[in-house]
């Protein structure tokens, strides 16, 4: 494949700046919503991410694509900030190690995702990336919410046991 300096008419940078706007909006609202929604926050963020990525895979209209990128930016920050904050909170005695492991996994995911997405895009096109990623995001986010909920339930149960004794 030869790359040229000519602008690609299919690549509209305005859509990508809506992703950035979504990350800003998500970053500003995530802490308040996380406190208000508790365990349902991750699942709600997952559903928003799923719908946004599914819209990106199935629509060509500029308004749908714009809303898809905006929603994906919001859900991305909701999920990323929640998972990092949860790691820091749950492993407070090992915050440095926990953040190193979390950062390593984000970078590993970025590298593997780029490699796999390149193969998928070459074989099937860019829409398939958004389609499959929508389901992966939903699955992983719900699993994370279940694990966090289970961890918090176990922690509350231990606290009740201590109070009883």
N, C-alpha and C. Protein backbone atom coordinates (compact mmCIF):
# COMPACT_ATOMS: atom_id res chain seq x y z
N UNK A 1 0.85 -1.17 0.00
CA UNK A 1 0.00 0.00 0.00
C UNK A 1 0.89 1.24 0.00
N UNK A 2 0.56 2.18 -0.86
CA UNK A 2 1.33 3.42 -0.95
C UNK A 2 0.52 4.53 -0.29
N UNK A 3 1.19 5.28 0.57
CA UNK A 3 0.54 6.39 1.26
C UNK A 3 0.89 7.68 0.55
N UNK A 4 -0.10 8.54 0.38
CA UNK A 4 0.17 9.82 -0.28
C UNK A 4 -0.21 10.96 0.65
N UNK A 5 0.27 12.13 0.31
CA UNK A 5 -0.01 13.32 1.11
C UNK A 5 -1.35 13.94 0.74
N UNK A 6 -2.04 13.39 -0.24
CA UNK A 6 -3.34 13.94 -0.64
C UNK A 6 -4.35 13.69 0.46
N UNK A 7 -5.25 14.66 0.68
CA UNK A 7 -6.28 14.44 1.70
C UNK A 7 -7.22 13.32 1.29
N UNK A 8 -7.61 12.53 2.26
CA UNK A 8 -8.54 11.44 2.03
C UNK A 8 -9.96 11.98 2.23
N UNK A 9 -10.80 11.95 1.18
CA UNK A 9 -12.16 12.50 1.34
C UNK A 9 -13.00 11.72 2.34
N UNK A 10 -12.67 10.45 2.60
CA UNK A 10 -13.42 9.65 3.56
C UNK A 10 -13.07 10.02 5.00
N UNK A 11 -11.93 10.67 5.20
CA UNK A 11 -11.48 11.00 6.54
C UNK A 11 -11.89 12.42 6.88
N UNK A 12 -12.90 12.55 7.70
CA UNK A 12 -13.39 13.86 8.10
C UNK A 12 -12.92 14.12 9.53
N UNK A 13 -11.99 15.05 9.69
CA UNK A 13 -11.40 15.29 11.01
C UNK A 13 -12.39 15.88 12.00
N UNK A 14 -13.48 16.47 11.53
CA UNK A 14 -14.47 17.02 12.45
C UNK A 14 -15.08 15.92 13.32
N UNK A 15 -15.22 14.72 12.76
CA UNK A 15 -15.77 13.61 13.52
C UNK A 15 -14.82 13.24 14.66
N UNK A 16 -13.53 13.28 14.37
CA UNK A 16 -12.57 12.92 15.40
C UNK A 16 -12.49 13.97 16.50
N UNK A 17 -12.71 15.23 16.17
CA UNK A 17 -12.70 16.24 17.23
C UNK A 17 -13.94 16.11 18.11
N UNK A 18 -15.00 15.50 17.62
CA UNK A 18 -16.15 15.21 18.48
C UNK A 18 -15.80 14.12 19.48
N UNK A 19 -14.94 13.20 19.11
CA UNK A 19 -14.44 12.22 20.08
C UNK A 19 -13.72 12.97 21.20
N UNK A 20 -12.87 13.93 20.85
CA UNK A 20 -12.16 14.74 21.86
C UNK A 20 -13.11 15.51 22.75
N UNK A 21 -14.14 16.09 22.14
CA UNK A 21 -15.16 16.80 22.93
C UNK A 21 -15.85 15.83 23.89
N UNK A 22 -16.11 14.62 23.42
CA UNK A 22 -16.72 13.60 24.28
C UNK A 22 -15.83 13.25 25.46
N UNK A 23 -14.52 13.18 25.23
CA UNK A 23 -13.61 12.86 26.34
C UNK A 23 -13.60 13.98 27.37
N UNK A 24 -13.69 15.22 26.91
CA UNK A 24 -13.73 16.36 27.84
C UNK A 24 -15.03 16.33 28.65
N UNK A 25 -16.15 16.15 27.96
CA UNK A 25 -17.44 16.07 28.66
C UNK A 25 -17.48 14.90 29.63
N UNK A 26 -16.96 13.76 29.18
CA UNK A 26 -16.92 12.58 30.04
C UNK A 26 -16.04 12.79 31.26
N UNK A 27 -14.90 13.43 31.07
CA UNK A 27 -14.00 13.69 32.19
C UNK A 27 -14.59 14.63 33.21
N UNK A 28 -15.39 15.57 32.75
CA UNK A 28 -15.99 16.53 33.68
C UNK A 28 -17.18 15.95 34.44
N UNK A 29 -17.90 15.02 33.83
CA UNK A 29 -19.11 14.49 34.47
C UNK A 29 -18.91 13.14 35.15
N UNK A 30 -17.83 12.44 34.84
CA UNK A 30 -17.63 11.08 35.38
C UNK A 30 -17.63 11.02 36.90
N UNK A 31 -16.89 11.88 37.61
CA UNK A 31 -16.85 11.72 39.07
C UNK A 31 -18.23 11.85 39.73
N UNK A 32 -19.03 12.82 39.29
CA UNK A 32 -20.36 13.01 39.88
C UNK A 32 -21.29 11.84 39.55
N UNK A 33 -21.27 11.43 38.29
CA UNK A 33 -22.13 10.33 37.89
C UNK A 33 -21.72 9.01 38.55
N UNK A 34 -20.42 8.80 38.71
CA UNK A 34 -19.93 7.56 39.35
C UNK A 34 -20.45 7.47 40.78
N UNK A 35 -20.44 8.60 41.51
CA UNK A 35 -20.95 8.60 42.88
C UNK A 35 -22.46 8.37 42.91
N UNK A 36 -23.15 8.96 41.97
CA UNK A 36 -24.61 8.87 41.94
C UNK A 36 -25.09 7.49 41.49
N UNK A 37 -24.42 6.91 40.50
CA UNK A 37 -24.91 5.67 39.90
C UNK A 37 -24.30 4.40 40.51
N UNK A 38 -23.22 4.55 41.26
CA UNK A 38 -22.55 3.41 41.92
C UNK A 38 -22.18 2.32 40.90
N UNK A 39 -22.58 1.08 41.16
CA UNK A 39 -22.18 -0.04 40.30
C UNK A 39 -22.79 0.00 38.91
N UNK A 40 -23.90 0.67 38.73
CA UNK A 40 -24.51 0.72 37.40
C UNK A 40 -23.78 1.68 36.46
N UNK A 41 -22.82 2.45 37.00
CA UNK A 41 -22.09 3.41 36.17
C UNK A 41 -21.30 2.70 35.07
N UNK A 42 -20.57 1.65 35.42
CA UNK A 42 -19.77 0.94 34.42
C UNK A 42 -20.66 0.30 33.35
N UNK A 43 -21.76 -0.29 33.77
CA UNK A 43 -22.65 -0.92 32.80
C UNK A 43 -23.27 0.14 31.89
N UNK A 44 -23.64 1.28 32.43
CA UNK A 44 -24.19 2.37 31.61
C UNK A 44 -23.16 2.88 30.63
N UNK A 45 -21.92 3.02 31.09
CA UNK A 45 -20.84 3.46 30.19
C UNK A 45 -20.60 2.43 29.10
N UNK A 46 -20.70 1.15 29.45
CA UNK A 46 -20.52 0.09 28.47
C UNK A 46 -21.62 0.12 27.41
N UNK A 47 -22.84 0.34 27.84
CA UNK A 47 -23.96 0.40 26.89
C UNK A 47 -23.80 1.61 25.97
N UNK A 48 -23.40 2.75 26.53
CA UNK A 48 -23.16 3.94 25.71
C UNK A 48 -22.05 3.67 24.69
N UNK A 49 -20.97 3.02 25.13
CA UNK A 49 -19.88 2.69 24.22
C UNK A 49 -20.32 1.71 23.14
N UNK A 50 -21.08 0.71 23.55
CA UNK A 50 -21.58 -0.28 22.59
C UNK A 50 -22.45 0.40 21.52
N UNK A 51 -23.40 1.19 21.96
CA UNK A 51 -24.30 1.85 21.01
C UNK A 51 -23.51 2.78 20.09
N UNK A 52 -22.58 3.53 20.66
CA UNK A 52 -21.78 4.48 19.87
C UNK A 52 -20.95 3.76 18.81
N UNK A 53 -20.26 2.69 19.21
CA UNK A 53 -19.45 1.96 18.24
C UNK A 53 -20.31 1.23 17.21
N UNK A 54 -21.46 0.74 17.64
CA UNK A 54 -22.36 0.07 16.70
C UNK A 54 -22.87 1.07 15.66
N UNK A 55 -23.19 2.29 16.12
CA UNK A 55 -23.62 3.33 15.18
C UNK A 55 -22.51 3.63 14.17
N UNK A 56 -21.27 3.69 14.65
CA UNK A 56 -20.14 3.96 13.75
C UNK A 56 -19.98 2.85 12.72
N UNK A 57 -20.35 1.63 13.08
CA UNK A 57 -20.19 0.51 12.15
C UNK A 57 -21.36 0.36 11.18
N UNK A 58 -22.49 0.97 11.49
CA UNK A 58 -23.68 0.68 10.69
C UNK A 58 -24.30 1.88 9.99
N UNK A 59 -23.78 3.07 10.20
CA UNK A 59 -24.37 4.26 9.58
C UNK A 59 -23.32 5.05 8.81
N UNK A 60 -23.79 5.74 7.77
CA UNK A 60 -22.91 6.60 6.98
C UNK A 60 -23.31 8.07 7.07
N UNK A 61 -24.42 8.36 7.70
CA UNK A 61 -24.89 9.74 7.80
C UNK A 61 -24.00 10.51 8.76
N UNK A 62 -23.68 11.74 8.40
CA UNK A 62 -22.75 12.54 9.19
C UNK A 62 -23.25 12.78 10.61
N UNK A 63 -24.54 12.97 10.80
CA UNK A 63 -25.08 13.19 12.14
C UNK A 63 -24.92 11.94 13.00
N UNK A 64 -25.22 10.77 12.43
CA UNK A 64 -25.06 9.52 13.18
C UNK A 64 -23.60 9.28 13.52
N UNK A 65 -22.70 9.52 12.57
CA UNK A 65 -21.27 9.34 12.83
C UNK A 65 -20.78 10.32 13.90
N UNK A 66 -21.25 11.54 13.83
CA UNK A 66 -20.85 12.55 14.82
C UNK A 66 -21.30 12.16 16.22
N UNK A 67 -22.55 11.73 16.34
CA UNK A 67 -23.06 11.27 17.65
C UNK A 67 -22.31 10.02 18.12
N UNK A 68 -21.95 9.16 17.18
CA UNK A 68 -21.19 7.96 17.53
C UNK A 68 -19.83 8.31 18.11
N UNK A 69 -19.11 9.23 17.46
CA UNK A 69 -17.80 9.63 17.99
C UNK A 69 -17.92 10.37 19.32
N UNK A 70 -18.93 11.21 19.45
CA UNK A 70 -19.14 11.92 20.72
C UNK A 70 -19.44 10.92 21.85
N UNK A 71 -20.36 10.00 21.60
CA UNK A 71 -20.70 8.99 22.61
C UNK A 71 -19.52 8.08 22.94
N UNK A 72 -18.74 7.73 21.93
CA UNK A 72 -17.58 6.87 22.18
C UNK A 72 -16.54 7.60 23.03
N UNK A 73 -16.35 8.89 22.79
CA UNK A 73 -15.42 9.67 23.62
C UNK A 73 -15.85 9.71 25.07
N UNK A 74 -17.14 9.92 25.29
CA UNK A 74 -17.68 9.96 26.66
C UNK A 74 -17.50 8.60 27.33
N UNK A 75 -17.90 7.54 26.65
CA UNK A 75 -17.82 6.21 27.26
C UNK A 75 -16.37 5.79 27.48
N UNK A 76 -15.48 6.16 26.58
CA UNK A 76 -14.06 5.82 26.74
C UNK A 76 -13.52 6.40 28.04
N UNK A 77 -13.78 7.68 28.28
CA UNK A 77 -13.28 8.32 29.50
C UNK A 77 -13.99 7.75 30.73
N UNK A 78 -15.28 7.52 30.64
CA UNK A 78 -16.00 6.92 31.76
C UNK A 78 -15.35 5.60 32.18
N UNK A 79 -15.11 4.74 31.20
CA UNK A 79 -14.56 3.42 31.50
C UNK A 79 -13.10 3.51 31.97
N UNK A 80 -12.30 4.25 31.25
CA UNK A 80 -10.87 4.33 31.57
C UNK A 80 -10.66 4.96 32.94
N UNK A 81 -11.31 6.07 33.21
CA UNK A 81 -11.10 6.74 34.50
C UNK A 81 -11.65 5.90 35.66
N UNK A 82 -12.76 5.23 35.44
CA UNK A 82 -13.34 4.39 36.49
C UNK A 82 -12.45 3.21 36.81
N UNK A 83 -11.93 2.57 35.78
CA UNK A 83 -11.07 1.41 36.02
C UNK A 83 -9.77 1.81 36.71
N UNK A 84 -9.17 2.93 36.31
CA UNK A 84 -7.94 3.40 36.95
C UNK A 84 -8.23 3.80 38.40
N UNK A 85 -9.32 4.53 38.65
CA UNK A 85 -9.66 4.94 40.01
C UNK A 85 -9.94 3.72 40.89
N UNK A 86 -10.58 2.72 40.33
CA UNK A 86 -10.89 1.51 41.08
C UNK A 86 -9.62 0.76 41.45
N UNK A 87 -8.70 0.67 40.52
CA UNK A 87 -7.42 0.01 40.80
C UNK A 87 -6.69 0.75 41.93
N UNK A 88 -6.66 2.07 41.86
CA UNK A 88 -5.99 2.85 42.91
C UNK A 88 -6.67 2.67 44.26
N UNK A 89 -8.00 2.64 44.26
CA UNK A 89 -8.75 2.52 45.51
C UNK A 89 -8.62 1.14 46.13
N UNK A 90 -8.76 0.11 45.32
CA UNK A 90 -8.77 -1.26 45.85
C UNK A 90 -7.38 -1.73 46.26
N UNK A 91 -6.37 -1.20 45.62
CA UNK A 91 -5.00 -1.60 45.93
C UNK A 91 -4.22 -0.40 46.47
N UNK A 92 -4.82 0.29 47.43
CA UNK A 92 -4.23 1.54 47.93
C UNK A 92 -2.84 1.35 48.52
N UNK A 93 -2.56 0.20 49.11
CA UNK A 93 -1.24 -0.05 49.68
C UNK A 93 -0.17 -0.28 48.63
N UNK A 94 -0.60 -0.61 47.41
CA UNK A 94 0.33 -0.88 46.32
C UNK A 94 -0.01 0.00 45.12
N UNK A 95 -0.27 1.27 45.36
CA UNK A 95 -0.74 2.17 44.30
C UNK A 95 0.23 2.25 43.13
N UNK A 96 1.53 2.34 43.42
CA UNK A 96 2.51 2.44 42.35
C UNK A 96 2.54 1.20 41.49
N UNK A 97 2.54 0.05 42.11
CA UNK A 97 2.54 -1.22 41.38
C UNK A 97 1.25 -1.37 40.59
N UNK A 98 0.14 -1.04 41.23
CA UNK A 98 -1.16 -1.16 40.56
C UNK A 98 -1.23 -0.27 39.33
N UNK A 99 -0.74 0.96 39.44
CA UNK A 99 -0.77 1.87 38.30
C UNK A 99 0.18 1.41 37.20
N UNK A 100 1.31 0.82 37.59
CA UNK A 100 2.23 0.29 36.58
C UNK A 100 1.59 -0.84 35.81
N UNK A 101 0.91 -1.73 36.52
CA UNK A 101 0.24 -2.85 35.86
C UNK A 101 -0.90 -2.34 34.98
N UNK A 102 -1.69 -1.39 35.48
CA UNK A 102 -2.79 -0.83 34.69
C UNK A 102 -2.26 -0.14 33.44
N UNK A 103 -1.21 0.66 33.59
CA UNK A 103 -0.63 1.36 32.43
C UNK A 103 -0.07 0.37 31.42
N UNK A 104 0.61 -0.65 31.92
CA UNK A 104 1.15 -1.68 31.02
C UNK A 104 0.03 -2.32 30.21
N UNK A 105 -1.08 -2.64 30.88
CA UNK A 105 -2.20 -3.27 30.18
C UNK A 105 -2.84 -2.33 29.15
N UNK A 106 -2.92 -1.04 29.47
CA UNK A 106 -3.44 -0.08 28.48
C UNK A 106 -2.53 -0.02 27.26
N UNK A 107 -1.22 0.03 27.49
CA UNK A 107 -0.28 0.07 26.36
C UNK A 107 -0.29 -1.24 25.57
N UNK A 108 -0.36 -2.35 26.28
CA UNK A 108 -0.42 -3.65 25.61
C UNK A 108 -1.70 -3.74 24.76
N UNK A 109 -2.81 -3.30 25.33
CA UNK A 109 -4.07 -3.28 24.59
C UNK A 109 -4.00 -2.37 23.37
N UNK A 110 -3.34 -1.23 23.53
CA UNK A 110 -3.18 -0.31 22.39
C UNK A 110 -2.34 -0.93 21.28
N UNK A 111 -1.27 -1.62 21.67
CA UNK A 111 -0.40 -2.25 20.67
C UNK A 111 -1.11 -3.41 19.98
N UNK A 112 -1.70 -4.30 20.77
CA UNK A 112 -2.40 -5.44 20.18
C UNK A 112 -3.61 -4.99 19.36
N UNK A 113 -4.33 -3.99 19.89
CA UNK A 113 -5.49 -3.48 19.16
C UNK A 113 -5.11 -2.88 17.82
N UNK A 114 -4.01 -2.14 17.78
CA UNK A 114 -3.55 -1.56 16.53
C UNK A 114 -3.18 -2.64 15.53
N UNK A 115 -2.49 -3.65 16.01
CA UNK A 115 -2.06 -4.75 15.14
C UNK A 115 -3.27 -5.53 14.60
N UNK A 116 -4.17 -5.91 15.51
CA UNK A 116 -5.34 -6.69 15.10
C UNK A 116 -6.26 -5.85 14.22
N UNK A 117 -6.48 -4.58 14.59
CA UNK A 117 -7.34 -3.72 13.78
C UNK A 117 -6.76 -3.51 12.39
N UNK A 118 -5.44 -3.45 12.28
CA UNK A 118 -4.82 -3.32 10.96
C UNK A 118 -5.13 -4.53 10.09
N UNK A 119 -5.08 -5.71 10.68
CA UNK A 119 -5.39 -6.93 9.92
C UNK A 119 -6.88 -6.95 9.53
N UNK A 120 -7.74 -6.60 10.47
CA UNK A 120 -9.18 -6.60 10.19
C UNK A 120 -9.51 -5.57 9.12
N UNK A 121 -8.92 -4.38 9.24
CA UNK A 121 -9.20 -3.31 8.28
C UNK A 121 -8.72 -3.71 6.88
N UNK A 122 -7.57 -4.32 6.80
CA UNK A 122 -7.03 -4.73 5.51
C UNK A 122 -7.93 -5.79 4.86
N UNK A 123 -8.45 -6.70 5.67
CA UNK A 123 -9.25 -7.81 5.16
C UNK A 123 -10.71 -7.43 4.91
N UNK A 124 -11.31 -6.66 5.86
CA UNK A 124 -12.76 -6.46 5.82
C UNK A 124 -13.22 -5.01 5.76
N UNK A 125 -12.37 -4.06 6.07
CA UNK A 125 -12.75 -2.66 6.07
C UNK A 125 -12.90 -2.11 7.49
N UNK A 126 -12.97 -0.80 7.57
CA UNK A 126 -12.94 -0.12 8.87
C UNK A 126 -14.23 -0.34 9.67
N UNK A 127 -15.35 -0.49 9.01
CA UNK A 127 -16.62 -0.65 9.74
C UNK A 127 -16.62 -1.91 10.61
N UNK A 128 -15.93 -2.95 10.17
CA UNK A 128 -15.88 -4.18 10.94
C UNK A 128 -15.15 -3.98 12.27
N UNK A 129 -14.20 -3.06 12.30
CA UNK A 129 -13.49 -2.77 13.54
C UNK A 129 -14.47 -2.24 14.58
N UNK A 130 -15.27 -1.26 14.18
CA UNK A 130 -16.24 -0.69 15.11
C UNK A 130 -17.30 -1.71 15.52
N UNK A 131 -17.71 -2.54 14.58
CA UNK A 131 -18.73 -3.54 14.86
C UNK A 131 -18.26 -4.52 15.93
N UNK A 132 -17.11 -5.13 15.71
CA UNK A 132 -16.60 -6.12 16.67
C UNK A 132 -16.19 -5.47 17.99
N UNK A 133 -15.62 -4.29 17.92
CA UNK A 133 -15.21 -3.59 19.13
C UNK A 133 -16.41 -3.23 20.00
N UNK A 134 -17.55 -2.94 19.39
CA UNK A 134 -18.73 -2.61 20.18
C UNK A 134 -19.10 -3.77 21.09
N UNK A 135 -19.07 -4.99 20.57
CA UNK A 135 -19.40 -6.15 21.39
C UNK A 135 -18.32 -6.45 22.43
N UNK A 136 -17.06 -6.26 22.04
CA UNK A 136 -15.97 -6.49 23.00
C UNK A 136 -16.04 -5.50 24.15
N UNK A 137 -16.33 -4.23 23.83
CA UNK A 137 -16.42 -3.20 24.87
C UNK A 137 -17.55 -3.52 25.84
N UNK A 138 -18.67 -3.91 25.32
CA UNK A 138 -19.81 -4.26 26.17
C UNK A 138 -19.48 -5.45 27.08
N UNK A 139 -18.89 -6.48 26.51
CA UNK A 139 -18.56 -7.68 27.28
C UNK A 139 -17.54 -7.40 28.37
N UNK A 140 -16.44 -6.76 28.02
CA UNK A 140 -15.38 -6.49 28.99
C UNK A 140 -15.86 -5.54 30.08
N UNK A 141 -16.64 -4.55 29.73
CA UNK A 141 -17.13 -3.59 30.72
C UNK A 141 -18.09 -4.25 31.71
N UNK A 142 -18.96 -5.10 31.22
CA UNK A 142 -19.88 -5.80 32.12
C UNK A 142 -19.12 -6.75 33.03
N UNK A 143 -18.11 -7.44 32.49
CA UNK A 143 -17.28 -8.30 33.33
C UNK A 143 -16.56 -7.50 34.40
N UNK A 144 -16.02 -6.33 34.03
CA UNK A 144 -15.35 -5.47 35.01
C UNK A 144 -16.33 -5.02 36.09
N UNK A 145 -17.54 -4.65 35.68
CA UNK A 145 -18.55 -4.23 36.67
C UNK A 145 -18.90 -5.37 37.62
N UNK A 146 -19.01 -6.58 37.08
CA UNK A 146 -19.32 -7.74 37.94
C UNK A 146 -18.17 -8.03 38.91
N UNK A 147 -16.95 -7.95 38.44
CA UNK A 147 -15.80 -8.20 39.32
C UNK A 147 -15.69 -7.14 40.41
N UNK A 148 -15.90 -5.89 40.05
CA UNK A 148 -15.83 -4.81 41.04
C UNK A 148 -16.95 -4.96 42.06
N UNK A 149 -18.15 -5.27 41.58
CA UNK A 149 -19.29 -5.46 42.48
C UNK A 149 -19.03 -6.63 43.44
N UNK A 150 -18.48 -7.69 42.92
CA UNK A 150 -18.17 -8.86 43.76
C UNK A 150 -17.11 -8.52 44.81
N UNK A 151 -16.11 -7.76 44.40
CA UNK A 151 -15.06 -7.35 45.32
C UNK A 151 -15.63 -6.47 46.43
N UNK A 152 -16.49 -5.52 46.06
CA UNK A 152 -17.09 -4.62 47.05
C UNK A 152 -18.04 -5.38 47.99
N UNK A 153 -18.77 -6.36 47.47
CA UNK A 153 -19.65 -7.17 48.31
C UNK A 153 -18.84 -7.95 49.34
N UNK A 154 -17.74 -8.54 48.89
CA UNK A 154 -16.87 -9.29 49.79
C UNK A 154 -16.27 -8.37 50.85
N UNK A 155 -15.90 -7.16 50.46
CA UNK A 155 -15.32 -6.20 51.40
C UNK A 155 -16.36 -5.78 52.45
N UNK A 156 -17.60 -5.53 52.03
CA UNK A 156 -18.67 -5.18 52.96
C UNK A 156 -18.98 -6.33 53.91
N UNK A 157 -18.96 -7.54 53.40
CA UNK A 157 -19.24 -8.71 54.22
C UNK A 157 -18.15 -8.88 55.28
N UNK A 158 -16.90 -8.64 54.93
CA UNK A 158 -15.80 -8.72 55.89
C UNK A 158 -15.95 -7.66 56.97
N UNK A 159 -16.36 -6.46 56.57
CA UNK A 159 -16.56 -5.38 57.54
C UNK A 159 -17.69 -5.74 58.50
N UNK A 160 -18.77 -6.35 58.01
CA UNK A 160 -19.87 -6.77 58.88
C UNK A 160 -19.43 -7.87 59.83
N UNK A 161 -18.60 -8.78 59.34
CA UNK A 161 -18.09 -9.85 60.20
C UNK A 161 -17.23 -9.30 61.32
N UNK A 162 -16.45 -8.29 61.02
CA UNK A 162 -15.59 -7.67 62.04
C UNK A 162 -16.46 -6.97 63.10
N UNK A 163 -17.51 -6.30 62.65
CA UNK A 163 -18.41 -5.60 63.59
C UNK A 163 -19.16 -6.59 64.49
N UNK A 164 -19.51 -7.76 63.95
CA UNK A 164 -20.22 -8.76 64.72
C UNK A 164 -19.34 -9.36 65.82
N UNK A 165 -18.07 -9.49 65.53
CA UNK A 165 -17.14 -10.10 66.49
C UNK A 165 -16.66 -9.08 67.45
